[in-house]
Amino acid sequence: MNFYKLFRDFIDVFLKEINSCDDPESAFFKDVGERQLVAVLKHLFDTGSETTSTTLSWLFLYMATFPGIQRKLQKEIDDVVGTSRFCSLSDRTSLPYVEAFLAETLRFSSILPGGLGHRTLYDVVYKGYAFPKNTPIMANVYGIHFDPKIWRDPENFRPERFLSSDSKSFKKHEALIPFWIGRRQCVGETLARDTLFLFTTNMFQRFQVKFDPSDAAANPGLAPKAGFLMSSLPYKIILTDRLS
């Protein structure tokens, strides 16, 4: 996919709408429309880069922390893809353990623990609770991802929870909602999942990852650094070429 062309097409259509809009109440009207365009583009770049990079930071930390999981993932890549070509999206269905590892990474990191804010558009009564119009709504994504009633052992990093009983296929779980659900589900989910899959498979096809043995502070543990995005604490790893 040509993402430069995709953004150009989006911008061109948006500008065309601004130029043709004569309704002062419209979000596309003159200066208001231009500010909306800038805000949308900033949002696309921010959410499309920082969230993925934060997830990848956790991913490398998990790989270094759990070398057995790293070896299992690499064995699956070696057996299915080999080392003579790059991994591609067409390999996804043949790499269930990779998919399970990525799903567990998204669950365990839960980088947006409260999701994004929403509001009720009208008065709502849900399961006996009244929510007046314009009530702010935040989902407890972290609470769902670490609910022992759902996951049994949520504090354990265990990709196998997303595999079928024979470990031959990836098994989706409706309680895994890193991209949220419903009409306001993240529009970049497909791109994010594809990026994580390609980056993970091709990096670990080639490299072995471990903590720097010369630095006593290389492994900070799995406790997150609090913030709007839950990121890992600084760590130090070494990448070794597996194929040389």
Protein backbone atom coordinates (compact mmCIF):
# COMPACT_ATOMS: atom_id res chain seq x y z
CA MET A 1 0.00 0.00 0.00
CA ASN A 2 1.30 3.48 -0.92
CA PHE A 3 0.68 5.42 2.30
CA TYR A 4 1.98 8.67 0.80
CA LYS A 5 -0.69 8.43 -1.91
CA LEU A 6 -3.28 7.48 0.71
CA PHE A 7 -2.57 10.64 2.73
CA ARG A 8 -2.48 12.79 -0.42
CA ASP A 9 -5.87 11.41 -1.50
CA PHE A 10 -7.32 12.10 1.95
CA ILE A 11 -5.95 15.65 2.05
CA ASP A 12 -7.14 16.40 -1.49
CA VAL A 13 -10.69 15.24 -0.72
CA PHE A 14 -10.71 17.20 2.54
CA LEU A 15 -9.51 20.39 0.80
CA LYS A 16 -12.08 19.91 -1.94
CA GLU A 17 -14.81 19.74 0.72
CA ILE A 18 -13.48 22.90 2.39
CA ASN A 19 -13.40 24.80 -0.90
CA SER A 20 -16.95 23.79 -1.81
CA CYS A 21 -18.47 24.38 1.65
CA ASP A 22 -20.68 27.47 2.08
CA ASP A 23 -22.36 26.48 5.36
CA PRO A 24 -20.97 28.55 8.29
CA GLU A 25 -22.18 25.85 10.70
CA SER A 26 -20.20 23.10 8.96
CA ALA A 27 -16.93 21.71 10.33
CA PHE A 28 -15.53 22.16 6.80
CA PHE A 29 -16.23 25.90 6.58
CA LYS A 30 -13.18 28.03 5.70
CA ASP A 31 -10.69 28.47 8.60
CA VAL A 32 -12.59 26.01 10.79
CA GLY A 33 -12.20 23.35 8.11
CA GLU A 34 -8.47 24.03 7.74
CA ARG A 35 -7.95 23.73 11.50
CA GLN A 36 -9.93 20.48 11.46
CA LEU A 37 -7.69 19.12 8.71
CA VAL A 38 -4.52 19.97 10.63
CA ALA A 39 -5.94 18.38 13.80
CA VAL A 40 -6.97 15.20 11.97
CA LEU A 41 -3.56 14.79 10.31
CA LYS A 42 -1.77 15.37 13.62
CA HIS A 43 -4.01 12.76 15.23
CA LEU A 44 -3.28 10.26 12.46
CA PHE A 45 0.48 10.66 12.82
CA ASP A 46 0.47 10.74 16.64
CA THR A 47 -1.73 7.69 17.15
CA GLY A 48 -0.14 5.84 14.26
CA SER A 49 3.43 6.23 15.48
CA GLU A 50 3.65 6.64 19.24
CA THR A 51 1.25 3.81 20.09
CA THR A 52 3.02 1.37 17.76
CA SER A 53 6.50 2.38 18.94
CA THR A 54 5.43 2.02 22.58
CA THR A 55 4.03 -1.45 21.88
CA LEU A 56 7.27 -2.43 20.14
CA SER A 57 9.24 -1.20 23.14
CA TRP A 58 7.24 -3.55 25.37
CA LEU A 59 7.61 -6.34 22.82
CA PHE A 60 11.40 -6.23 22.94
CA LEU A 61 11.33 -6.15 26.73
CA TYR A 62 9.11 -9.25 26.82
CA MET A 63 11.39 -11.08 24.38
CA ALA A 64 14.43 -10.36 26.52
CA THR A 65 12.58 -11.24 29.73
CA PHE A 66 11.20 -14.54 28.42
CA PRO A 67 13.93 -16.16 26.28
CA GLY A 68 11.99 -19.42 26.10
CA ILE A 69 9.11 -17.63 24.38
CA GLN A 70 11.60 -15.95 22.04
CA ARG A 71 13.10 -19.31 21.05
CA LYS A 72 9.65 -20.81 20.46
CA LEU A 73 8.63 -17.90 18.24
CA GLN A 74 11.86 -18.09 16.27
CA LYS A 75 11.52 -21.84 15.78
CA GLU A 76 8.06 -21.35 14.28
CA ILE A 77 9.43 -18.71 11.89
CA ASP A 78 12.38 -20.94 10.96
CA ASP A 79 10.12 -23.95 10.34
CA VAL A 80 7.51 -22.09 8.29
CA VAL A 81 9.40 -19.28 6.52
CA GLY A 82 13.04 -20.31 6.81
CA THR A 83 15.83 -17.79 6.40
CA SER A 84 16.07 -17.35 2.63
CA ARG A 85 13.30 -14.74 2.37
CA PHE A 86 11.54 -12.09 4.43
CA CYS A 87 8.31 -12.84 6.27
CA SER A 88 5.19 -11.42 4.66
CA LEU A 89 1.56 -10.91 5.62
CA SER A 90 0.67 -14.02 3.62
CA ASP A 91 2.55 -16.06 6.27
CA ARG A 92 0.27 -14.90 9.06
CA THR A 93 -2.12 -17.86 9.09
CA SER A 94 0.85 -20.23 9.18
CA LEU A 95 2.40 -18.53 12.21
CA PRO A 96 -0.16 -18.96 15.02
CA TYR A 97 2.39 -18.65 17.82
CA VAL A 98 3.57 -15.29 16.47
CA GLU A 99 -0.05 -14.11 16.40
CA ALA A 100 -0.59 -15.42 19.94
CA PHE A 101 2.56 -13.65 21.14
CA LEU A 102 1.39 -10.36 19.63
CA ALA A 103 -2.06 -10.74 21.18
CA GLU A 104 -0.53 -11.41 24.60
CA THR A 105 1.77 -8.41 24.15
CA LEU A 106 -1.23 -6.18 23.47
CA ARG A 107 -3.08 -7.59 26.49
CA PHE A 108 -0.18 -7.52 28.91
CA SER A 109 1.05 -4.03 27.99
CA SER A 110 -2.41 -2.41 27.74
CA ILE A 111 -0.68 0.82 26.78
CA LEU A 112 -3.95 2.79 26.83
CA PRO A 113 -5.38 1.51 30.12
CA GLY A 114 -8.43 3.75 29.98
CA GLY A 115 -8.91 3.78 26.24
CA LEU A 116 -10.01 7.12 24.85
CA GLY A 117 -12.74 9.33 26.27
CA HIS A 118 -16.25 9.26 24.86
CA ARG A 119 -19.55 10.85 25.86
CA THR A 120 -23.20 9.92 25.74
CA LEU A 121 -25.08 11.60 22.91
CA TYR A 122 -28.41 11.39 24.73
CA ASP A 123 -29.82 10.26 28.08
CA VAL A 124 -29.13 6.56 28.55
CA VAL A 125 -30.13 3.97 31.16
CA TYR A 126 -27.88 0.91 31.10
CA LYS A 127 -28.40 -1.99 33.51
CA GLY A 128 -30.19 0.31 35.93
CA TYR A 129 -27.58 3.10 35.81
CA ALA A 130 -28.59 6.49 34.39
CA PHE A 131 -26.15 8.40 32.17
CA PRO A 132 -27.39 11.88 31.26
CA LYS A 133 -26.55 13.34 27.88
CA ASN A 134 -22.88 14.42 27.55
CA THR A 135 -21.69 12.19 30.41
CA PRO A 136 -17.96 11.40 29.91
CA ILE A 137 -17.36 7.67 29.45
CA MET A 138 -14.01 5.91 29.93
CA ALA A 139 -13.52 2.17 29.52
CA ASN A 140 -11.35 0.30 32.02
CA VAL A 141 -9.37 -1.57 29.36
CA TYR A 142 -6.64 -2.53 31.83
CA GLY A 143 -9.23 -3.95 34.22
CA ILE A 144 -10.71 -6.08 31.44
CA HIS A 145 -7.30 -7.30 30.27
CA PHE A 146 -6.30 -8.34 33.79
CA ASP A 147 -9.60 -9.73 35.04
CA PRO A 148 -8.92 -13.21 36.53
CA LYS A 149 -12.51 -14.20 35.79
CA ILE A 150 -11.72 -13.85 32.09
CA TRP A 151 -8.05 -14.86 31.83
CA ARG A 152 -7.56 -17.19 34.84
CA ASP A 153 -3.89 -16.16 35.33
CA PRO A 154 -3.69 -12.60 33.93
CA GLU A 155 -0.43 -11.78 35.72
CA ASN A 156 1.41 -14.44 33.72
CA PHE A 157 2.71 -13.60 30.25
CA ARG A 158 1.38 -16.64 28.41
CA PRO A 159 0.83 -16.51 24.63
CA GLU A 160 -0.65 -20.03 24.69
CA ARG A 161 -3.92 -18.57 25.99
CA PHE A 162 -4.55 -17.41 22.42
CA LEU A 163 -3.91 -20.81 20.80
CA SER A 164 -6.29 -23.66 20.07
CA SER A 165 -6.05 -26.79 22.20
CA ASP A 166 -3.76 -28.42 19.63
CA SER A 167 -1.65 -25.21 19.33
CA LYS A 168 -2.09 -25.27 15.55
CA SER A 169 -4.23 -22.17 15.14
CA PHE A 170 -4.60 -18.70 16.60
CA LYS A 171 -7.70 -18.20 18.74
CA LYS A 172 -9.23 -14.73 19.04
CA HIS A 173 -10.69 -13.62 22.36
CA GLU A 174 -13.55 -11.11 22.53
CA ALA A 175 -12.19 -9.63 25.78
CA LEU A 176 -8.97 -8.50 24.09
CA ILE A 177 -9.80 -4.90 23.13
CA PRO A 178 -6.57 -2.88 22.73
CA PHE A 179 -8.19 -1.05 19.79
CA TRP A 180 -11.57 -0.76 21.59
CA ILE A 181 -14.87 -1.88 20.15
CA GLY A 182 -17.97 -0.59 18.45
CA ARG A 183 -18.47 2.30 16.06
CA ARG A 184 -15.52 4.22 17.53
CA GLN A 185 -13.05 1.37 17.17
CA CYS A 186 -9.58 2.53 16.12
CA VAL A 187 -9.52 3.07 12.35
CA GLY A 188 -5.80 2.22 12.30
CA GLU A 189 -6.17 -1.26 13.79
CA THR A 190 -5.42 -3.15 10.58
CA LEU A 191 -2.36 -1.04 9.84
CA ALA A 192 -1.10 -1.38 13.43
CA ARG A 193 -1.55 -5.16 13.48
CA ASP A 194 0.16 -5.54 10.09
CA THR A 195 3.06 -3.33 11.21
CA LEU A 196 3.56 -5.27 14.44
CA PHE A 197 3.43 -8.61 12.62
CA LEU A 198 5.93 -7.65 9.91
CA PHE A 199 8.32 -5.93 12.32
CA THR A 200 8.25 -8.80 14.82
CA THR A 201 8.64 -11.65 12.35
CA ASN A 202 11.42 -10.05 10.33
CA MET A 203 13.37 -8.73 13.32
CA PHE A 204 13.34 -12.03 15.21
CA GLN A 205 13.91 -14.09 12.11
CA ARG A 206 17.26 -12.32 11.96
CA PHE A 207 18.17 -11.31 15.51
CA GLN A 208 18.46 -12.77 18.99
CA VAL A 209 17.64 -10.33 21.80
CA LYS A 210 18.95 -10.39 25.36
CA PHE A 211 19.65 -7.96 28.18
CA ASP A 212 23.10 -6.39 28.21
CA PRO A 213 25.08 -8.56 30.66
CA SER A 214 27.57 -5.75 31.30
CA ASP A 215 24.89 -3.43 32.74
CA ALA A 216 23.35 -4.34 36.10
CA ALA A 217 20.43 -2.00 35.41
CA ALA A 218 19.72 -3.42 31.95
CA ASN A 219 16.57 -5.23 33.14
CA PRO A 220 14.18 -2.85 34.96
CA GLY A 221 11.38 -5.41 35.29
CA LEU A 222 7.90 -5.27 33.83
CA ALA A 223 6.41 -2.47 35.94
CA PRO A 224 5.13 0.31 33.65
CA LYS A 225 5.95 3.99 33.69
CA ALA A 226 2.65 5.72 34.43
CA GLY A 227 1.22 8.15 31.93
CA PHE A 228 -1.52 8.57 29.35
CA LEU A 229 0.38 5.84 27.50
CA MET A 230 1.83 3.16 29.76
CA SER A 231 5.40 2.72 28.56
CA SER A 232 8.19 0.50 29.83
CA LEU A 233 10.99 1.72 32.06
CA PRO A 234 14.33 2.24 30.24
CA TYR A 235 16.18 -0.98 29.52
CA LYS A 236 19.28 -2.04 27.63
CA ILE A 237 19.41 -4.96 25.22
CA ILE A 238 21.85 -6.50 22.78
CA LEU A 239 20.85 -7.79 19.34
CA THR A 240 22.90 -10.66 17.95
CA ASP A 241 22.68 -11.75 14.33
CA ARG A 242 21.26 -15.30 14.23
CA LEU A 243 22.08 -15.86 10.59
CA SER A 244 25.75 -14.92 10.45
